[in-house]
């Protein structure tokens, strides 16, 4: 192996690591949409009948911050789908959380390999 090739590889390692961490964090963030945590958010599902019958808990998805919320206007009630509301702020917070978790797992992996 030529010395120049080795130097180029050593320079590109941090970028490869950053891309790997970003890809794993994005995958884990999207996979966390399967988690449906309990919430105290409520929304109006319909207008017929008494108010307490229509004012129901809203279904949310994502962990640790819920970035998908059920839209009572356009979607199937109490189900998360592509037409529901997307919250970019909590999505970025989840992405950052999973990036930190991934970096921590990489550090522990390197520490255990020594």
Protein backbone atom coordinates (compact mmCIF):
# COMPACT_ATOMS: atom_id res chain seq x y z
CA UNK A 1 0.00 0.00 0.00
CA UNK A 2 1.33 3.41 -0.93
CA UNK A 3 1.87 5.97 1.78
CA UNK A 4 -0.34 8.53 -0.01
CA UNK A 5 -3.28 6.12 -0.05
CA UNK A 6 -2.86 5.46 3.67
CA UNK A 7 -2.74 9.20 4.44
CA UNK A 8 -5.89 9.82 2.37
CA UNK A 9 -7.67 6.99 4.20
CA UNK A 10 -6.65 8.38 7.60
CA UNK A 11 -7.98 11.81 6.60
CA UNK A 12 -11.32 10.40 5.44
CA UNK A 13 -11.95 8.31 8.58
CA UNK A 14 -13.61 11.12 10.57
CA UNK A 15 -15.93 11.84 7.65
CA UNK A 16 -16.80 8.16 7.29
CA UNK A 17 -17.49 8.01 11.04
CA UNK A 18 -19.72 11.10 10.86
CA UNK A 19 -21.68 9.68 7.92
CA UNK A 20 -22.06 6.35 9.72
CA UNK A 21 -23.27 8.03 12.93
CA UNK A 22 -25.72 10.23 10.99
CA UNK A 23 -27.10 7.25 9.05
CA UNK A 24 -27.56 5.11 12.17
CA UNK A 25 -29.12 8.04 14.07
CA UNK A 26 -31.55 8.70 11.21
CA UNK A 27 -32.49 5.02 11.06
CA UNK A 28 -33.07 4.84 14.83
CA UNK A 29 -35.10 8.07 14.79
CA UNK A 30 -37.37 6.77 12.04
CA UNK A 31 -37.62 3.39 13.76
CA UNK A 32 -38.69 5.11 16.99
CA UNK A 33 -41.94 6.11 15.24
CA UNK A 34 -43.14 2.61 16.12
CA UNK A 35 -43.14 3.63 19.80
CA UNK A 36 -46.45 5.19 20.85
CA UNK A 37 -45.88 6.77 24.28
CA UNK A 38 -48.73 7.80 26.54
CA UNK A 39 -49.49 11.49 26.35
CA UNK A 40 -51.69 14.08 27.97
CA UNK A 41 -52.39 15.82 24.63
CA UNK A 42 -56.06 15.92 23.73
CA UNK A 43 -57.86 16.87 20.54
CA UNK A 44 -61.42 17.05 19.22
CA UNK A 45 -62.48 13.93 17.27
CA UNK A 46 -65.87 14.97 15.87
CA UNK A 47 -68.62 17.34 16.91
CA UNK A 48 -71.66 15.12 17.49
CA UNK A 49 -72.73 14.33 21.01
CA UNK A 50 -71.41 15.60 24.33
CA UNK A 51 -68.05 17.33 24.51
CA UNK A 52 -66.41 14.73 26.76
CA UNK A 53 -67.22 12.03 24.21
CA UNK A 54 -65.30 13.83 21.43
CA UNK A 55 -62.43 15.39 23.41
CA UNK A 56 -60.10 12.36 23.41
CA UNK A 57 -56.39 11.67 23.93
CA UNK A 58 -54.29 12.25 20.80
CA UNK A 59 -52.13 9.43 19.46
CA UNK A 60 -48.46 10.40 19.13
CA UNK A 61 -45.43 8.51 17.82
CA UNK A 62 -41.68 8.81 18.32
CA UNK A 63 -39.37 8.45 21.26
CA UNK A 64 -37.98 10.24 23.33
CA UNK A 65 -39.81 13.23 21.79
CA UNK A 66 -43.00 12.65 19.83
CA UNK A 67 -42.52 13.94 16.29
CA UNK A 68 -45.65 12.46 14.67
CA UNK A 69 -49.12 13.35 15.97
CA UNK A 70 -52.53 12.15 14.86
CA UNK A 71 -54.48 14.71 12.86
CA UNK A 72 -58.21 14.39 13.58
CA UNK A 73 -59.11 16.37 10.44
CA UNK A 74 -57.52 14.31 7.67
CA UNK A 75 -56.64 10.89 8.98
CA UNK A 76 -58.07 7.70 10.34
CA UNK A 77 -58.77 8.46 14.03
CA UNK A 78 -56.31 7.02 16.53
CA UNK A 79 -53.82 5.81 13.90
CA UNK A 80 -50.52 7.31 12.76
CA UNK A 81 -50.16 7.55 8.99
CA UNK A 82 -48.42 9.61 6.29
CA UNK A 83 -51.13 12.30 6.34
CA UNK A 84 -50.65 13.13 10.04
CA UNK A 85 -48.76 16.10 11.46
CA UNK A 86 -44.95 16.03 11.44
CA UNK A 87 -43.12 18.11 14.06
CA UNK A 88 -39.61 19.03 12.83
CA UNK A 89 -38.33 20.31 16.21
CA UNK A 90 -38.87 17.07 18.14
CA UNK A 91 -37.60 15.12 15.10
CA UNK A 92 -34.29 17.01 15.22
CA UNK A 93 -34.14 16.53 18.99
CA UNK A 94 -34.62 12.77 18.52
CA UNK A 95 -31.99 12.75 15.79
CA UNK A 96 -29.52 14.46 18.12
CA UNK A 97 -30.36 12.08 20.95
CA UNK A 98 -29.79 9.00 18.80
CA UNK A 99 -26.55 10.50 17.40
CA UNK A 100 -25.23 10.90 20.96
CA UNK A 101 -26.32 7.34 21.82
CA UNK A 102 -24.58 6.03 18.69
CA UNK A 103 -21.37 7.94 19.47
CA UNK A 104 -21.45 6.60 23.03
CA UNK A 105 -21.92 3.05 21.76
CA UNK A 106 -18.95 3.49 19.39
CA UNK A 107 -16.76 4.76 22.24
CA UNK A 108 -17.73 1.83 24.45
CA UNK A 109 -17.09 -0.58 21.56
CA UNK A 110 -13.60 0.87 21.03
CA UNK A 111 -12.89 0.77 24.75
CA UNK A 112 -13.92 -2.90 25.01
CA UNK A 113 -11.85 -3.88 21.97
CA UNK A 114 -8.61 -2.66 23.60
